[in-house]
């Protein structure tokens, strides 16, 4: 998890509902100290596995995760995602 300048907690999570199938990775944001994360932004539409999230600069985060069209474990991918802070 990463905390922004305004206190928003960001986390990456899979959207799967069972342990049998991997689901696309989402970036989730919560403004209550991380207790809930109601806002979700898809990272990609492909199935995903293990992940890690880093703060790159004040306006950008980056998830490193396993993903792929054939399998959730096909490649390791890194993506820059801009973070829009509420004003």
C-alpha atoms as a PDB file:
ATOM      1  CA  UNK A   1       0.000   0.000   0.000  1.00  0.00           C
ATOM      2  CA  UNK A   2       1.000   3.588  -0.632  1.00  0.00           C
ATOM      3  CA  UNK A   3      -0.235   6.709   1.177  1.00  0.00           C
ATOM      4  CA  UNK A   4      -0.579   9.918  -0.879  1.00  0.00           C
ATOM      5  CA  UNK A   5       0.149  13.465   0.308  1.00  0.00           C
ATOM      6  CA  UNK A   6      -3.528  13.981   1.175  1.00  0.00           C
ATOM      7  CA  UNK A   7      -3.760  10.719   3.149  1.00  0.00           C
ATOM      8  CA  UNK A   8      -5.470   8.577   0.512  1.00  0.00           C
ATOM      9  CA  UNK A   9      -4.337   4.953   0.779  1.00  0.00           C
ATOM     10  CA  UNK A  10      -3.692   3.188  -2.544  1.00  0.00           C
ATOM     11  CA  UNK A  11      -3.456  -0.582  -2.945  1.00  0.00           C
ATOM     12  CA  UNK A  12      -3.366  -3.040  -5.828  1.00  0.00           C
ATOM     13  CA  UNK A  13      -5.695  -6.011  -5.667  1.00  0.00           C
ATOM     14  CA  UNK A  14      -7.113  -8.747  -7.834  1.00  0.00           C
ATOM     15  CA  UNK A  15     -10.833  -8.693  -8.392  1.00  0.00           C
ATOM     16  CA  UNK A  16     -11.265 -12.461  -8.163  1.00  0.00           C
ATOM     17  CA  UNK A  17     -14.137 -14.022  -6.297  1.00  0.00           C
ATOM     18  CA  UNK A  18     -12.631 -17.505  -5.907  1.00  0.00           C
ATOM     19  CA  UNK A  19      -9.149 -18.976  -5.578  1.00  0.00           C
ATOM     20  CA  UNK A  20      -9.668 -21.038  -8.747  1.00  0.00           C
ATOM     21  CA  UNK A  21      -9.337 -18.194 -11.266  1.00  0.00           C
ATOM     22  CA  UNK A  22      -7.198 -15.072 -11.488  1.00  0.00           C
ATOM     23  CA  UNK A  23      -8.877 -11.760 -12.286  1.00  0.00           C
ATOM     24  CA  UNK A  24      -7.650  -8.412 -13.615  1.00  0.00           C
ATOM     25  CA  UNK A  25      -5.599  -6.226 -11.275  1.00  0.00           C
ATOM     26  CA  UNK A  26      -7.146  -3.005  -9.967  1.00  0.00           C
ATOM     27  CA  UNK A  27      -5.698   0.030  -8.216  1.00  0.00           C
ATOM     28  CA  UNK A  28      -7.958   0.804  -5.273  1.00  0.00           C
ATOM     29  CA  UNK A  29      -8.134   4.067  -3.301  1.00  0.00           C
ATOM     30  CA  UNK A  30      -9.520   4.724   0.171  1.00  0.00           C
ATOM     31  CA  UNK A  31      -9.836   8.008   1.981  1.00  0.00           C
ATOM     32  CA  UNK A  32     -10.499   6.607   5.475  1.00  0.00           C
ATOM     33  CA  UNK A  33      -6.987   5.462   6.350  1.00  0.00           C
ATOM     34  CA  UNK A  34      -7.274   2.291   4.291  1.00  0.00           C
ATOM     35  CA  UNK A  35     -10.235   0.745   6.143  1.00  0.00           C
ATOM     36  CA  UNK A  36     -12.256   0.686   2.924  1.00  0.00           C
ATOM     37  CA  UNK A  37     -11.165   1.188  -0.688  1.00  0.00           C
ATOM     38  CA  UNK A  38     -14.367   1.878  -2.664  1.00  0.00           C
ATOM     39  CA  UNK A  39     -12.708   3.520  -5.681  1.00  0.00           C
ATOM     40  CA  UNK A  40     -11.187   1.034  -8.169  1.00  0.00           C
ATOM     41  CA  UNK A  41      -9.277   1.699 -11.394  1.00  0.00           C
ATOM     42  CA  UNK A  42      -8.369  -1.235 -13.668  1.00  0.00           C
ATOM     43  CA  UNK A  43      -4.629  -1.655 -14.254  1.00  0.00           C
ATOM     44  CA  UNK A  44      -5.233  -3.879 -17.296  1.00  0.00           C
ATOM     45  CA  UNK A  45      -7.911  -6.236 -18.525  1.00  0.00           C
ATOM     46  CA  UNK A  46      -5.720  -9.331 -18.260  1.00  0.00           C
ATOM     47  CA  UNK A  47      -5.659 -11.834 -15.387  1.00  0.00           C
ATOM     48  CA  UNK A  48      -3.033 -10.979 -12.773  1.00  0.00           C
ATOM     49  CA  UNK A  49      -1.151 -12.685  -9.973  1.00  0.00           C
ATOM     50  CA  UNK A  50       1.343 -11.456  -7.352  1.00  0.00           C
ATOM     51  CA  UNK A  51       1.912  -7.731  -7.265  1.00  0.00           C
ATOM     52  CA  UNK A  52       3.728  -4.896  -5.523  1.00  0.00           C
ATOM     53  CA  UNK A  53       3.005  -1.155  -5.573  1.00  0.00           C
ATOM     54  CA  UNK A  54       5.609   1.630  -5.352  1.00  0.00           C
ATOM     55  CA  UNK A  55       5.364   5.413  -5.236  1.00  0.00           C
ATOM     56  CA  UNK A  56       7.461   6.766  -8.132  1.00  0.00           C
ATOM     57  CA  UNK A  57       6.961  10.492  -7.564  1.00  0.00           C
ATOM     58  CA  UNK A  58       4.237  12.747  -6.081  1.00  0.00           C
ATOM     59  CA  UNK A  59       1.947  12.184  -9.075  1.00  0.00           C
ATOM     60  CA  UNK A  60       2.694   8.573 -10.097  1.00  0.00           C
ATOM     61  CA  UNK A  61       2.544   5.031  -8.679  1.00  0.00           C
ATOM     62  CA  UNK A  62       3.703   1.829 -10.312  1.00  0.00           C
ATOM     63  CA  UNK A  63       2.453  -1.724  -9.842  1.00  0.00           C
ATOM     64  CA  UNK A  64       4.830  -4.581 -10.660  1.00  0.00           C
ATOM     65  CA  UNK A  65       2.797  -7.728 -11.293  1.00  0.00           C
ATOM     66  CA  UNK A  66       2.526 -11.049 -13.064  1.00  0.00           C
ATOM     67  CA  UNK A  67       0.065 -11.075 -15.965  1.00  0.00           C
ATOM     68  CA  UNK A  68      -0.526 -12.350 -19.471  1.00  0.00           C
ATOM     69  CA  UNK A  69      -3.107 -13.269 -22.069  1.00  0.00           C
ATOM     70  CA  UNK A  70      -2.338 -16.993 -21.877  1.00  0.00           C
ATOM     71  CA  UNK A  71      -1.825 -17.199 -18.117  1.00  0.00           C
ATOM     72  CA  UNK A  72      -1.692 -14.825 -15.160  1.00  0.00           C
ATOM     73  CA  UNK A  73       1.927 -15.974 -14.790  1.00  0.00           C
ATOM     74  CA  UNK A  74       3.147 -15.399 -18.383  1.00  0.00           C
ATOM     75  CA  UNK A  75       5.116 -12.166 -17.865  1.00  0.00           C
ATOM     76  CA  UNK A  76       6.153  -9.681 -15.225  1.00  0.00           C
ATOM     77  CA  UNK A  77       4.842  -6.212 -16.073  1.00  0.00           C
ATOM     78  CA  UNK A  78       5.467  -2.737 -14.703  1.00  0.00           C
ATOM     79  CA  UNK A  79       3.144   0.156 -15.459  1.00  0.00           C
ATOM     80  CA  UNK A  80       3.153   3.845 -14.473  1.00  0.00           C
ATOM     81  CA  UNK A  81      -0.238   5.105 -13.279  1.00  0.00           C
ATOM     82  CA  UNK A  82      -0.942   8.795 -12.643  1.00  0.00           C
ATOM     83  CA  UNK A  83      -2.633   9.514  -9.320  1.00  0.00           C
ATOM     84  CA  UNK A  84      -5.179  12.292  -9.314  1.00  0.00           C
ATOM     85  CA  UNK A  85      -5.476  13.710  -5.826  1.00  0.00           C
ATOM     86  CA  UNK A  86      -8.713  15.384  -4.723  1.00  0.00           C
ATOM     87  CA  UNK A  87      -8.251  19.108  -4.252  1.00  0.00           C
END
